[in-house]
Structures are given as C-alpha cells and as structure tokens.
Amino acid sequence: MASFKYCLECNNLLYPREDKSSRRLMFSCRNCQYEEDADNMCVYSHKIIHTPSEQTMMLTDLATDPTLPRANVTCPQCNHPEAVFFQSSSRRAEAKMTLFYVCGSQECGHRWVG
C-alpha cells in the first residue's frame, strides 16, 4: 500500500524528485523549501498477477517443448491422440490445482482445461 509523505513545516504533500548533483532521491515540498532524503529508492511499483489461463495464452509452441510432459489424451478439436499438459502455478489460496492441456499437433494448438 502506498504511503504519502507530508511536509513537516507546512503539512503539504511531499513530491519525489531527483537531486541531480548528488544523484539521490529526495522528497520536496512545492509550497516551501522543505526537503528530506527518501528512505526507499522505489517511487512506484506495479505488480501484475496473471491467472493461469492468461499465462497459457501467452505461451506459444507448447507442443514442441520437449521439457513438458505428455499424456495420451485426445484433443476435442482435432482428435489428435497426444497432448502436452502442465499444472496451474496459481499461488492464490482459494485456487485448486488445475491441469492445462495443449494439443500435441503443431497444426491445431488447441488449449483446454482438464
């Protein structure tokens, strides 16, 4: 959660800025001349959490990856007899383990959840 810093002299919001001469991060007031060094060098952090189904859509050529396990599962779209599979890597506590399948045929590439 983000925390805001306030000026100790006039109680206005402090804004991050770089002290170019010393190349350090500072917080300064736009109303008065108050400045203070930043205790953390991170100004903004944006974390993106992808769901397992989004992750499978990002991956390409899964059928040709020799490191993934294969199963004798028929593809529901093209009836190819083999599929690559992997488990979801969701770290959410409420998520159950899910198997994701990708058709072993390079022409098809159909993805489904088992």
PDB file of N, CA and C in Angstrom:
ATOM      1  N   MET A   1       0.839  -1.173   0.000  1.00  0.00           N
ATOM      2  CA  MET A   1       0.000   0.000   0.000  1.00  0.00           C
ATOM      3  C   MET A   1       0.887   1.241   0.000  1.00  0.00           C
ATOM      4  N   ALA A   2       0.511   2.220  -0.776  1.00  0.00           N
ATOM      5  CA  ALA A   2       1.299   3.437  -0.894  1.00  0.00           C
ATOM      6  C   ALA A   2       1.121   4.303   0.347  1.00  0.00           C
ATOM      7  N   SER A   3       2.198   4.957   0.710  1.00  0.00           N
ATOM      8  CA  SER A   3       2.112   5.894   1.824  1.00  0.00           C
ATOM      9  C   SER A   3       2.543   7.266   1.323  1.00  0.00           C
ATOM     10  N   PHE A   4       1.889   8.270   1.813  1.00  0.00           N
ATOM     11  CA  PHE A   4       2.199   9.633   1.418  1.00  0.00           C
ATOM     12  C   PHE A   4       3.061  10.279   2.487  1.00  0.00           C
ATOM     13  N   LYS A   5       3.933  11.172   2.035  1.00  0.00           N
ATOM     14  CA  LYS A   5       4.769  11.928   2.965  1.00  0.00           C
ATOM     15  C   LYS A   5       4.287  13.375   2.952  1.00  0.00           C
ATOM     16  N   TYR A   6       4.323  13.974   4.131  1.00  0.00           N
ATOM     17  CA  TYR A   6       3.856  15.348   4.258  1.00  0.00           C
ATOM     18  C   TYR A   6       4.961  16.226   4.827  1.00  0.00           C
ATOM     19  N   CYS A   7       4.941  17.469   4.416  1.00  0.00           N
ATOM     20  CA  CYS A   7       5.930  18.457   4.847  1.00  0.00           C
ATOM     21  C   CYS A   7       5.808  18.699   6.350  1.00  0.00           C
ATOM     22  N   LEU A   8       6.953  18.703   7.026  1.00  0.00           N
ATOM     23  CA  LEU A   8       6.960  18.939   8.471  1.00  0.00           C
ATOM     24  C   LEU A   8       6.758  20.412   8.820  1.00  0.00           C
ATOM     25  N   GLU A   9       6.923  21.304   7.832  1.00  0.00           N
ATOM     26  CA  GLU A   9       6.783  22.735   8.097  1.00  0.00           C
ATOM     27  C   GLU A   9       5.393  23.274   7.763  1.00  0.00           C
ATOM     28  N   CYS A  10       4.826  22.836   6.613  1.00  0.00           N
ATOM     29  CA  CYS A  10       3.536  23.405   6.208  1.00  0.00           C
ATOM     30  C   CYS A  10       2.440  22.354   5.973  1.00  0.00           C
ATOM     31  N   ASN A  11       2.761  21.081   6.197  1.00  0.00           N
ATOM     32  CA  ASN A  11       1.806  19.970   6.087  1.00  0.00           C
ATOM     33  C   ASN A  11       1.251  19.724   4.687  1.00  0.00           C
ATOM     34  N   ASN A  12       1.925  20.232   3.671  1.00  0.00           N
ATOM     35  CA  ASN A  12       1.531  19.917   2.300  1.00  0.00           C
ATOM     36  C   ASN A  12       2.185  18.610   1.866  1.00  0.00           C
ATOM     37  N   LEU A  13       1.696  18.065   0.783  1.00  0.00           N
ATOM     38  CA  LEU A  13       2.209  16.803   0.264  1.00  0.00           C
ATOM     39  C   LEU A  13       3.636  16.966  -0.259  1.00  0.00           C
ATOM     40  N   LEU A  14       4.500  15.997   0.056  1.00  0.00           N
ATOM     41  CA  LEU A  14       5.860  15.991  -0.481  1.00  0.00           C
ATOM     42  C   LEU A  14       5.881  15.176  -1.769  1.00  0.00           C
ATOM     43  N   TYR A  15       6.622  15.659  -2.747  1.00  0.00           N
ATOM     44  CA  TYR A  15       6.706  15.012  -4.050  1.00  0.00           C
ATOM     45  C   TYR A  15       8.113  14.470  -4.277  1.00  0.00           C
ATOM     46  N   PRO A  16       8.232  13.313  -4.903  1.00  0.00           N
ATOM     47  CA  PRO A  16       9.573  12.775  -5.173  1.00  0.00           C
ATOM     48  C   PRO A  16      10.266  13.585  -6.260  1.00  0.00           C
ATOM     49  N   ARG A  17      11.566  13.744  -6.106  1.00  0.00           N
ATOM     50  CA  ARG A  17      12.379  14.402  -7.131  1.00  0.00           C
ATOM     51  C   ARG A  17      13.810  13.918  -6.986  1.00  0.00           C
ATOM     52  N   GLU A  18      14.585  14.096  -8.027  1.00  0.00           N
ATOM     53  CA  GLU A  18      15.984  13.679  -8.005  1.00  0.00           C
ATOM     54  C   GLU A  18      16.873  14.888  -7.748  1.00  0.00           C
ATOM     55  N   ASP A  19      17.793  14.746  -6.815  1.00  0.00           N
ATOM     56  CA  ASP A  19      18.834  15.752  -6.631  1.00  0.00           C
ATOM     57  C   ASP A  19      19.915  15.414  -7.649  1.00  0.00           C
ATOM     58  N   LYS A  20      19.949  16.160  -8.742  1.00  0.00           N
ATOM     59  CA  LYS A  20      20.819  15.812  -9.869  1.00  0.00           C
ATOM     60  C   LYS A  20      22.303  15.919  -9.539  1.00  0.00           C
ATOM     61  N   SER A  21      22.675  16.799  -8.641  1.00  0.00           N
ATOM     62  CA  SER A  21      24.094  16.941  -8.306  1.00  0.00           C
ATOM     63  C   SER A  21      24.620  15.731  -7.539  1.00  0.00           C
ATOM     64  N   SER A  22      23.830  15.213  -6.613  1.00  0.00           N
ATOM     65  CA  SER A  22      24.280  14.055  -5.832  1.00  0.00           C
ATOM     66  C   SER A  22      23.642  12.744  -6.300  1.00  0.00           C
ATOM     67  N   ARG A  23      22.756  12.814  -7.288  1.00  0.00           N
ATOM     68  CA  ARG A  23      22.075  11.645  -7.856  1.00  0.00           C
ATOM     69  C   ARG A  23      21.417  10.791  -6.768  1.00  0.00           C
ATOM     70  N   ARG A  24      20.558  11.433  -6.005  1.00  0.00           N
ATOM     71  CA  ARG A  24      19.820  10.712  -4.972  1.00  0.00           C
ATOM     72  C   ARG A  24      18.358  11.147  -5.007  1.00  0.00           C
ATOM     73  N   LEU A  25      17.517  10.288  -4.480  1.00  0.00           N
ATOM     74  CA  LEU A  25      16.086  10.555  -4.454  1.00  0.00           C
ATOM     75  C   LEU A  25      15.743  11.376  -3.221  1.00  0.00           C
ATOM     76  N   MET A  26      14.967  12.410  -3.448  1.00  0.00           N
ATOM     77  CA  MET A  26      14.553  13.314  -2.374  1.00  0.00           C
ATOM     78  C   MET A  26      13.036  13.462  -2.413  1.00  0.00           C
ATOM     79  N   PHE A  27      12.482  13.932  -1.319  1.00  0.00           N
ATOM     80  CA  PHE A  27      11.089  14.368  -1.290  1.00  0.00           C
ATOM     81  C   PHE A  27      11.110  15.849  -0.962  1.00  0.00           C
ATOM     82  N   SER A  28      10.392  16.639  -1.758  1.00  0.00           N
ATOM     83  CA  SER A  28      10.411  18.083  -1.526  1.00  0.00           C
ATOM     84  C   SER A  28       8.996  18.646  -1.566  1.00  0.00           C
ATOM     85  N   CYS A  29       8.839  19.730  -0.842  1.00  0.00           N
ATOM     86  CA  CYS A  29       7.567  20.426  -0.763  1.00  0.00           C
ATOM     87  C   CYS A  29       7.502  21.457  -1.882  1.00  0.00           C
ATOM     88  N   ARG A  30       6.358  21.566  -2.536  1.00  0.00           N
ATOM     89  CA  ARG A  30       6.191  22.545  -3.612  1.00  0.00           C
ATOM     90  C   ARG A  30       5.742  23.905  -3.073  1.00  0.00           C
ATOM     91  N   ASN A  31       5.434  23.959  -1.794  1.00  0.00           N
ATOM     92  CA  ASN A  31       4.953  25.192  -1.193  1.00  0.00           C
ATOM     93  C   ASN A  31       6.073  25.953  -0.476  1.00  0.00           C
ATOM     94  N   CYS A  32       6.902  25.225   0.257  1.00  0.00           N
ATOM     95  CA  CYS A  32       8.029  25.850   0.954  1.00  0.00           C
ATOM     96  C   CYS A  32       9.320  25.157   0.497  1.00  0.00           C
ATOM     97  N   GLN A  33      10.414  25.398   1.124  1.00  0.00           N
ATOM     98  CA  GLN A  33      11.703  24.849   0.697  1.00  0.00           C
ATOM     99  C   GLN A  33      12.088  23.563   1.419  1.00  0.00           C
ATOM    100  N   TYR A  34      11.158  22.954   2.127  1.00  0.00           N
ATOM    101  CA  TYR A  34      11.473  21.756   2.897  1.00  0.00           C
ATOM    102  C   TYR A  34      11.816  20.589   1.975  1.00  0.00           C
ATOM    103  N   GLU A  35      12.881  19.835   2.344  1.00  0.00           N
ATOM    104  CA  GLU A  35      13.308  18.642   1.612  1.00  0.00           C
ATOM    105  C   GLU A  35      13.765  17.586   2.610  1.00  0.00           C
ATOM    106  N   GLU A  36      13.615  16.327   2.208  1.00  0.00           N
ATOM    107  CA  GLU A  36      14.164  15.235   3.014  1.00  0.00           C
ATOM    108  C   GLU A  36      14.591  14.105   2.085  1.00  0.00           C
ATOM    109  N   ASP A  37      15.591  13.353   2.545  1.00  0.00           N
ATOM    110  CA  ASP A  37      16.058  12.203   1.770  1.00  0.00           C
ATOM    111  C   ASP A  37      15.010  11.100   1.807  1.00  0.00           C
ATOM    112  N   ALA A  38      14.920  10.378   0.717  1.00  0.00           N
ATOM    113  CA  ALA A  38      13.995   9.243   0.668  1.00  0.00           C
ATOM    114  C   ALA A  38      14.630   8.058   1.369  1.00  0.00           C
ATOM    115  N   ASP A  39      13.847   7.352   2.174  1.00  0.00           N
ATOM    116  CA  ASP A  39      14.375   6.174   2.855  1.00  0.00           C
ATOM    117  C   ASP A  39      14.270   4.931   1.978  1.00  0.00           C
ATOM    118  N   ASN A  40      13.485   4.999   0.910  1.00  0.00           N
ATOM    119  CA  ASN A  40      13.343   3.889  -0.024  1.00  0.00           C
ATOM    120  C   ASN A  40      13.513   4.449  -1.434  1.00  0.00           C
ATOM    121  N   MET A  41      14.305   3.798  -2.255  1.00  0.00           N
ATOM    122  CA  MET A  41      14.590   4.310  -3.592  1.00  0.00           C
ATOM    123  C   MET A  41      13.504   3.974  -4.611  1.00  0.00           C
ATOM    124  N   CYS A  42      12.488   3.261  -4.205  1.00  0.00           N
ATOM    125  CA  CYS A  42      11.393   2.901  -5.107  1.00  0.00           C
ATOM    126  C   CYS A  42      10.293   3.956  -4.999  1.00  0.00           C
ATOM    127  N   VAL A  43       9.979   4.592  -6.119  1.00  0.00           N
ATOM    128  CA  VAL A  43       8.932   5.602  -6.130  1.00  0.00           C
ATOM    129  C   VAL A  43       7.585   4.968  -6.420  1.00  0.00           C
ATOM    130  N   TYR A  44       7.574   3.966  -7.325  1.00  0.00           N
ATOM    131  CA  TYR A  44       6.324   3.345  -7.741  1.00  0.00           C
ATOM    132  C   TYR A  44       6.580   1.896  -8.097  1.00  0.00           C
ATOM    133  N   SER A  45       5.704   1.015  -7.685  1.00  0.00           N
ATOM    134  CA  SER A  45       5.807  -0.406  -8.011  1.00  0.00           C
ATOM    135  C   SER A  45       4.457  -0.881  -8.521  1.00  0.00           C
ATOM    136  N   HIS A  46       4.466  -1.525  -9.678  1.00  0.00           N
ATOM    137  CA  HIS A  46       3.228  -2.026 -10.280  1.00  0.00           C
ATOM    138  C   HIS A  46       3.397  -3.516 -10.515  1.00  0.00           C
ATOM    139  N   LYS A  47       2.661  -4.338  -9.778  1.00  0.00           N
ATOM    140  CA  LYS A  47       2.770  -5.784  -9.902  1.00  0.00           C
ATOM    141  C   LYS A  47       1.558  -6.310 -10.655  1.00  0.00           C
ATOM    142  N   ILE A  48       1.824  -7.138 -11.651  1.00  0.00           N
ATOM    143  CA  ILE A  48       0.765  -7.731 -12.452  1.00  0.00           C
ATOM    144  C   ILE A  48       0.687  -9.206 -12.115  1.00  0.00           C
ATOM    145  N   ILE A  49      -0.494  -9.663 -11.749  1.00  0.00           N
ATOM    146  CA  ILE A  49      -0.703 -11.075 -11.446  1.00  0.00           C
ATOM    147  C   ILE A  49      -1.565 -11.657 -12.557  1.00  0.00           C
ATOM    148  N   HIS A  50      -1.003 -12.614 -13.275  1.00  0.00           N
ATOM    149  CA  HIS A  50      -1.735 -13.265 -14.355  1.00  0.00           C
ATOM    150  C   HIS A  50      -2.380 -14.539 -13.847  1.00  0.00           C
ATOM    151  N   THR A  51      -3.594 -14.794 -14.296  1.00  0.00           N
ATOM    152  CA  THR A  51      -4.237 -16.062 -13.982  1.00  0.00           C
ATOM    153  C   THR A  51      -3.613 -17.137 -14.856  1.00  0.00           C
ATOM    154  N   PRO A  52      -3.664 -18.402 -14.451  1.00  0.00           N
ATOM    155  CA  PRO A  52      -3.063 -19.467 -15.261  1.00  0.00           C
ATOM    156  C   PRO A  52      -3.605 -19.526 -16.679  1.00  0.00           C
ATOM    157  N   SER A  53      -4.895 -19.238 -16.871  1.00  0.00           N
ATOM    158  CA  SER A  53      -5.441 -19.274 -18.226  1.00  0.00           C
ATOM    159  C   SER A  53      -4.838 -18.168 -19.078  1.00  0.00           C
ATOM    160  N   GLU A  54      -4.543 -17.006 -18.488  1.00  0.00           N
ATOM    161  CA  GLU A  54      -3.874 -15.944 -19.226  1.00  0.00           C
ATOM    162  C   GLU A  54      -2.453 -16.355 -19.578  1.00  0.00           C
ATOM    163  N   GLN A  55      -1.788 -17.067 -18.674  1.00  0.00           N
ATOM    164  CA  GLN A  55      -0.418 -17.485 -18.933  1.00  0.00           C
ATOM    165  C   GLN A  55      -0.352 -18.454 -20.094  1.00  0.00           C
ATOM    166  N   THR A  56      -1.325 -19.351 -20.223  1.00  0.00           N
ATOM    167  CA  THR A  56      -1.284 -20.303 -21.328  1.00  0.00           C
ATOM    168  C   THR A  56      -1.498 -19.602 -22.652  1.00  0.00           C
ATOM    169  N   MET A  57      -2.269 -18.542 -22.664  1.00  0.00           N
ATOM    170  CA  MET A  57      -2.494 -17.817 -23.908  1.00  0.00           C
ATOM    171  C   MET A  57      -1.243 -17.043 -24.325  1.00  0.00           C
ATOM    172  N   MET A  58      -0.378 -16.734 -23.378  1.00  0.00           N
ATOM    173  CA  MET A  58       0.844 -16.011 -23.702  1.00  0.00           C
ATOM    174  C   MET A  58       1.906 -16.922 -24.296  1.00  0.00           C
ATOM    175  N   LEU A  59       1.856 -18.198 -23.958  1.00  0.00           N
ATOM    176  CA  LEU A  59       2.876 -19.127 -24.416  1.00  0.00           C
ATOM    177  C   LEU A  59       2.568 -19.601 -25.828  1.00  0.00           C
ATOM    178  N   THR A  60       3.610 -19.754 -26.622  1.00  0.00           N
ATOM    179  CA  THR A  60       3.440 -20.248 -27.986  1.00  0.00           C
ATOM    180  C   THR A  60       4.292 -21.482 -28.176  1.00  0.00           C
ATOM    181  N   ASP A  61       3.901 -22.332 -29.117  1.00  0.00           N
ATOM    182  CA  ASP A  61       4.636 -23.543 -29.484  1.00  0.00           C
ATOM    183  C   ASP A  61       4.850 -24.483 -28.307  1.00  0.00           C
ATOM    184  N   LEU A  62       3.852 -24.640 -27.473  1.00  0.00           N
ATOM    185  CA  LEU A  62       3.974 -25.547 -26.333  1.00  0.00           C
ATOM    186  C   LEU A  62       4.105 -26.996 -26.777  1.00  0.00           C
ATOM    187  N   ALA A  63       3.490 -27.338 -27.896  1.00  0.00           N
ATOM    188  CA  ALA A  63       3.517 -28.726 -28.364  1.00  0.00           C
ATOM    189  C   ALA A  63       4.927 -29.175 -28.729  1.00  0.00           C
ATOM    190  N   THR A  64       5.803 -28.244 -29.070  1.00  0.00           N
ATOM    191  CA  THR A  64       7.169 -28.604 -29.458  1.00  0.00           C
ATOM    192  C   THR A  64       8.155 -28.525 -28.300  1.00  0.00           C
ATOM    193  N   ASP A  65       7.702 -28.137 -27.124  1.00  0.00           N
ATOM    194  CA  ASP A  65       8.591 -28.019 -25.965  1.00  0.00           C
ATOM    195  C   ASP A  65       8.900 -29.415 -25.410  1.00  0.00           C
ATOM    196  N   PRO A  66      10.150 -29.872 -25.511  1.00  0.00           N
ATOM    197  CA  PRO A  66      10.480 -31.226 -25.054  1.00  0.00           C
ATOM    198  C   PRO A  66      10.509 -31.379 -23.534  1.00  0.00           C
ATOM    199  N   THR A  67      10.497 -30.278 -22.794  1.00  0.00           N
ATOM    200  CA  THR A  67      10.572 -30.366 -21.332  1.00  0.00           C
ATOM    201  C   THR A  67       9.210 -30.591 -20.684  1.00  0.00           C
ATOM    202  N   LEU A  68       8.129 -30.376 -21.414  1.00  0.00           N
ATOM    203  CA  LEU A  68       6.792 -30.555 -20.844  1.00  0.00           C
ATOM    204  C   LEU A  68       6.346 -32.007 -20.962  1.00  0.00           C
ATOM    205  N   PRO A  69       5.637 -32.511 -19.948  1.00  0.00           N
ATOM    206  CA  PRO A  69       5.150 -33.894 -20.002  1.00  0.00           C
ATOM    207  C   PRO A  69       4.018 -34.034 -21.016  1.00  0.00           C
ATOM    208  N   ARG A  70       3.851 -35.259 -21.497  1.00  0.00           N
ATOM    209  CA  ARG A  70       2.820 -35.556 -22.489  1.00  0.00           C
ATOM    210  C   ARG A  70       1.895 -36.630 -21.954  1.00  0.00           C
ATOM    211  N   ALA A  71       0.658 -36.602 -22.429  1.00  0.00           N
ATOM    212  CA  ALA A  71      -0.336 -37.583 -21.997  1.00  0.00           C
ATOM    213  C   ALA A  71      -1.102 -38.094 -23.211  1.00  0.00           C
ATOM    214  N   ASN A  72      -1.617 -39.306 -23.090  1.00  0.00           N
ATOM    215  CA  ASN A  72      -2.451 -39.883 -24.140  1.00  0.00           C
ATOM    216  C   ASN A  72      -3.885 -39.399 -23.945  1.00  0.00           C
ATOM    217  N   VAL A  73      -4.102 -38.155 -24.269  1.00  0.00           N
ATOM    218  CA  VAL A  73      -5.409 -37.521 -24.153  1.00  0.00           C
ATOM    219  C   VAL A  73      -5.795 -37.023 -25.538  1.00  0.00           C
ATOM    220  N   THR A  74      -7.002 -37.317 -25.958  1.00  0.00           N
ATOM    221  CA  THR A  74      -7.458 -36.924 -27.289  1.00  0.00           C
ATOM    222  C   THR A  74      -7.906 -35.467 -27.293  1.00  0.00           C
ATOM    223  N   CYS A  75      -7.426 -34.738 -28.292  1.00  0.00           N
ATOM    224  CA  CYS A  75      -7.810 -33.333 -28.450  1.00  0.00           C
ATOM    225  C   CYS A  75      -9.285 -33.268 -28.859  1.00  0.00           C
ATOM    226  N   PRO A  76     -10.099 -32.470 -28.162  1.00  0.00           N
ATOM    227  CA  PRO A  76     -11.519 -32.382 -28.507  1.00  0.00           C
ATOM    228  C   PRO A  76     -11.785 -31.663 -29.826  1.00  0.00           C
ATOM    229  N   GLN A  77     -10.782 -30.977 -30.355  1.00  0.00           N
ATOM    230  CA  GLN A  77     -10.997 -30.216 -31.583  1.00  0.00           C
ATOM    231  C   GLN A  77     -10.564 -30.988 -32.825  1.00  0.00           C
ATOM    232  N   CYS A  78      -9.379 -31.647 -32.776  1.00  0.00           N
ATOM    233  CA  CYS A  78      -8.865 -32.314 -33.982  1.00  0.00           C
ATOM    234  C   CYS A  78      -8.675 -33.821 -33.805  1.00  0.00           C
ATOM    235  N   ASN A  79      -8.970 -34.352 -32.622  1.00  0.00           N
ATOM    236  CA  ASN A  79      -8.831 -35.782 -32.304  1.00  0.00           C
ATOM    237  C   ASN A  79      -7.390 -36.286 -32.346  1.00  0.00           C
ATOM    238  N   HIS A  80      -6.417 -35.405 -32.199  1.00  0.00           N
ATOM    239  CA  HIS A  80      -5.017 -35.835 -32.102  1.00  0.00           C
ATOM    240  C   HIS A  80      -4.873 -36.619 -30.793  1.00  0.00           C
ATOM    241  N   PRO A  81      -4.149 -37.761 -30.806  1.00  0.00           N
ATOM    242  CA  PRO A  81      -4.142 -38.638 -29.626  1.00  0.00           C
ATOM    243  C   PRO A  81      -3.219 -38.216 -28.484  1.00  0.00           C
ATOM    244  N   GLU A  82      -2.450 -37.137 -28.634  1.00  0.00           N
ATOM    245  CA  GLU A  82      -1.484 -36.765 -27.601  1.00  0.00           C
ATOM    246  C   GLU A  82      -1.616 -35.284 -27.269  1.00  0.00           C
ATOM    247  N   ALA A  83      -1.367 -34.954 -26.003  1.00  0.00           N
ATOM    248  CA  ALA A  83      -1.417 -33.560 -25.570  1.00  0.00           C
ATOM    249  C   ALA A  83      -0.309 -33.292 -24.563  1.00  0.00           C
ATOM    250  N   VAL A  84       0.173 -32.080 -24.574  1.00  0.00           N
ATOM    251  CA  VAL A  84       1.122 -31.596 -23.573  1.00  0.00           C
ATOM    252  C   VAL A  84       0.282 -31.088 -22.403  1.00  0.00           C
ATOM    253  N   PHE A  85       0.738 -31.321 -21.176  1.00  0.00           N
ATOM    254  CA  PHE A  85      -0.035 -30.826 -20.034  1.00  0.00           C
ATOM    255  C   PHE A  85       0.887 -30.224 -18.988  1.00  0.00           C
ATOM    256  N   PHE A  86       0.313 -29.342 -18.184  1.00  0.00           N
ATOM    257  CA  PHE A  86       1.020 -28.760 -17.044  1.00  0.00           C
ATOM    258  C   PHE A  86      -0.010 -28.306 -16.031  1.00  0.00           C
ATOM    259  N   GLN A  87       0.429 -28.168 -14.782  1.00  0.00           N
ATOM    260  CA  GLN A  87      -0.460 -27.735 -13.707  1.00  0.00           C
ATOM    261  C   GLN A  87      -0.414 -26.230 -13.570  1.00  0.00           C
ATOM    262  N   SER A  88      -1.490 -25.696 -13.037  1.00  0.00           N
ATOM    263  CA  SER A  88      -1.533 -24.255 -12.821  1.00  0.00           C
ATOM    264  C   SER A  88      -0.506 -23.873 -11.768  1.00  0.00           C
ATOM    265  N   SER A  89       0.045 -22.701 -11.926  1.00  0.00           N
ATOM    266  CA  SER A  89       1.020 -22.205 -10.953  1.00  0.00           C
ATOM    267  C   SER A  89       0.422 -21.076 -10.130  1.00  0.00           C
ATOM    268  N   SER A  90      -0.878 -21.107  -9.953  1.00  0.00           N
ATOM    269  CA  SER A  90      -1.547 -20.070  -9.173  1.00  0.00           C
ATOM    270  C   SER A  90      -1.143 -20.194  -7.714  1.00  0.00           C
ATOM    271  N   ARG A  91      -0.819 -19.067  -7.092  1.00  0.00           N
ATOM    272  CA  ARG A  91      -0.417 -19.071  -5.691  1.00  0.00           C
ATOM    273  C   ARG A  91      -1.531 -18.569  -4.792  1.00  0.00           C
ATOM    274  N   ARG A  92      -2.694 -18.435  -5.362  1.00  0.00           N
ATOM    275  CA  ARG A  92      -3.828 -17.986  -4.558  1.00  0.00           C
ATOM    276  C   ARG A  92      -4.325 -19.140  -3.705  1.00  0.00           C
ATOM    277  N   ALA A  93      -4.651 -18.860  -2.479  1.00  0.00           N
ATOM    278  CA  ALA A  93      -5.044 -19.905  -1.529  1.00  0.00           C
ATOM    279  C   ALA A  93      -6.347 -20.586  -1.936  1.00  0.00           C
ATOM    280  N   GLU A  94      -7.257 -19.827  -2.542  1.00  0.00           N
ATOM    281  CA  GLU A  94      -8.556 -20.409  -2.869  1.00  0.00           C
ATOM    282  C   GLU A  94      -8.534 -21.183  -4.186  1.00  0.00           C
ATOM    283  N   ALA A  95      -7.445 -21.117  -4.937  1.00  0.00           N
ATOM    284  CA  ALA A  95      -7.375 -21.784  -6.240  1.00  0.00           C
ATOM    285  C   ALA A  95      -7.049 -23.265  -6.073  1.00  0.00           C
ATOM    286  N   LYS A  96      -7.769 -24.097  -6.804  1.00  0.00           N
ATOM    287  CA  LYS A  96      -7.478 -25.527  -6.776  1.00  0.00           C
ATOM    288  C   LYS A  96      -6.502 -25.840  -7.915  1.00  0.00           C
ATOM    289  N   MET A  97      -5.821 -26.962  -7.794  1.00  0.00           N
ATOM    290  CA  MET A  97      -4.877 -27.361  -8.831  1.00  0.00           C
ATOM    291  C   MET A  97      -5.649 -27.720 -10.098  1.00  0.00           C
ATOM    292  N   THR A  98      -5.207 -27.187 -11.220  1.00  0.00           N
ATOM    293  CA  THR A  98      -5.876 -27.401 -12.492  1.00  0.00           C
ATOM    294  C   THR A  98      -4.866 -27.868 -13.515  1.00  0.00           C
ATOM    295  N   LEU A  99      -5.246 -28.846 -14.329  1.00  0.00           N
ATOM    296  CA  LEU A  99      -4.396 -29.292 -15.429  1.00  0.00           C
ATOM    297  C   LEU A  99      -4.791 -28.548 -16.695  1.00  0.00           C
ATOM    298  N   PHE A 100      -3.794 -27.997 -17.366  1.00  0.00           N
ATOM    299  CA  PHE A 100      -3.996 -27.334 -18.646  1.00  0.00           C
ATOM    300  C   PHE A 100      -3.408 -28.225 -19.728  1.00  0.00           C
ATOM    301  N   TYR A 101      -4.173 -28.450 -20.789  1.00  0.00           N
ATOM    302  CA  TYR A 101      -3.730 -29.288 -21.896  1.00  0.00           C
ATOM    303  C   TYR A 101      -3.552 -28.440 -23.146  1.00  0.00           C
ATOM    304  N   VAL A 102      -2.552 -28.822 -23.945  1.00  0.00           N
ATOM    305  CA  VAL A 102      -2.334 -28.207 -25.251  1.00  0.00           C
ATOM    306  C   VAL A 102      -2.193 -29.341 -26.241  1.00  0.00           C
ATOM    307  N   CYS A 103      -2.934 -29.281 -27.335  1.00  0.00           N
ATOM    308  CA  CYS A 103      -2.906 -30.338 -28.342  1.00  0.00           C
ATOM    309  C   CYS A 103      -1.479 -30.552 -28.837  1.00  0.00           C
ATOM    310  N   GLY A 104      -1.093 -31.821 -28.988  1.00  0.00           N
ATOM    311  CA  GLY A 104       0.248 -32.167 -29.445  1.00  0.00           C
ATOM    312  C   GLY A 104       0.469 -31.930 -30.924  1.00  0.00           C
ATOM    313  N   SER A 105      -0.591 -31.687 -31.663  1.00  0.00           N
ATOM    314  CA  SER A 105      -0.474 -31.402 -33.092  1.00  0.00           C
ATOM    315  C   SER A 105      -0.038 -29.955 -33.281  1.00  0.00           C
ATOM    316  N   GLN A 106       1.024 -29.745 -34.049  1.00  0.00           N
ATOM    317  CA  GLN A 106       1.518 -28.384 -34.265  1.00  0.00           C
ATOM    318  C   GLN A 106       0.545 -27.561 -35.098  1.00  0.00           C
ATOM    319  N   GLU A 107      -0.261 -28.231 -35.910  1.00  0.00           N
ATOM    320  CA  GLU A 107      -1.225 -27.508 -36.739  1.00  0.00           C
ATOM    321  C   GLU A 107      -2.418 -27.013 -35.923  1.00  0.00           C
ATOM    322  N   CYS A 108      -2.802 -27.774 -34.904  1.00  0.00           N
ATOM    323  CA  CYS A 108      -4.003 -27.444 -34.120  1.00  0.00           C
ATOM    324  C   CYS A 108      -3.685 -26.440 -33.011  1.00  0.00           C
ATOM    325  N   GLY A 109      -2.907 -26.851 -32.017  1.00  0.00           N
ATOM    326  CA  GLY A 109      -2.552 -25.967 -30.904  1.00  0.00           C
ATOM    327  C   GLY A 109      -3.702 -25.627 -29.970  1.00  0.00           C
ATOM    328  N   HIS A 110      -4.795 -26.394 -30.030  1.00  0.00           N
ATOM    329  CA  HIS A 110      -5.963 -26.133 -29.173  1.00  0.00           C
ATOM    330  C   HIS A 110      -5.573 -26.270 -27.701  1.00  0.00           C
ATOM    331  N   ARG A 111      -6.124 -25.381 -26.865  1.00  0.00           N
ATOM    332  CA  ARG A 111      -5.856 -25.401 -25.419  1.00  0.00           C
ATOM    333  C   ARG A 111      -7.162 -25.636 -24.681  1.00  0.00           C
ATOM    334  N   TRP A 112      -7.094 -26.475 -23.644  1.00  0.00           N
ATOM    335  CA  TRP A 112      -8.279 -26.715 -22.829  1.00  0.00           C
ATOM    336  C   TRP A 112      -7.875 -27.079 -21.415  1.00  0.00           C
ATOM    337  N   VAL A 113      -8.857 -27.005 -20.536  1.00  0.00           N
ATOM    338  CA  VAL A 113      -8.642 -27.306 -19.121  1.00  0.00           C
ATOM    339  C   VAL A 113      -9.224 -28.675 -18.844  1.00  0.00           C
ATOM    340  N   GLY A 114      -8.452 -29.496 -18.117  1.00  0.00           N
ATOM    341  CA  GLY A 114      -8.912 -30.856 -17.836  1.00  0.00           C
ATOM    342  C   GLY A 114      -9.352 -31.036 -16.416  1.00  0.00           C
TER     343      GLY A 114
END
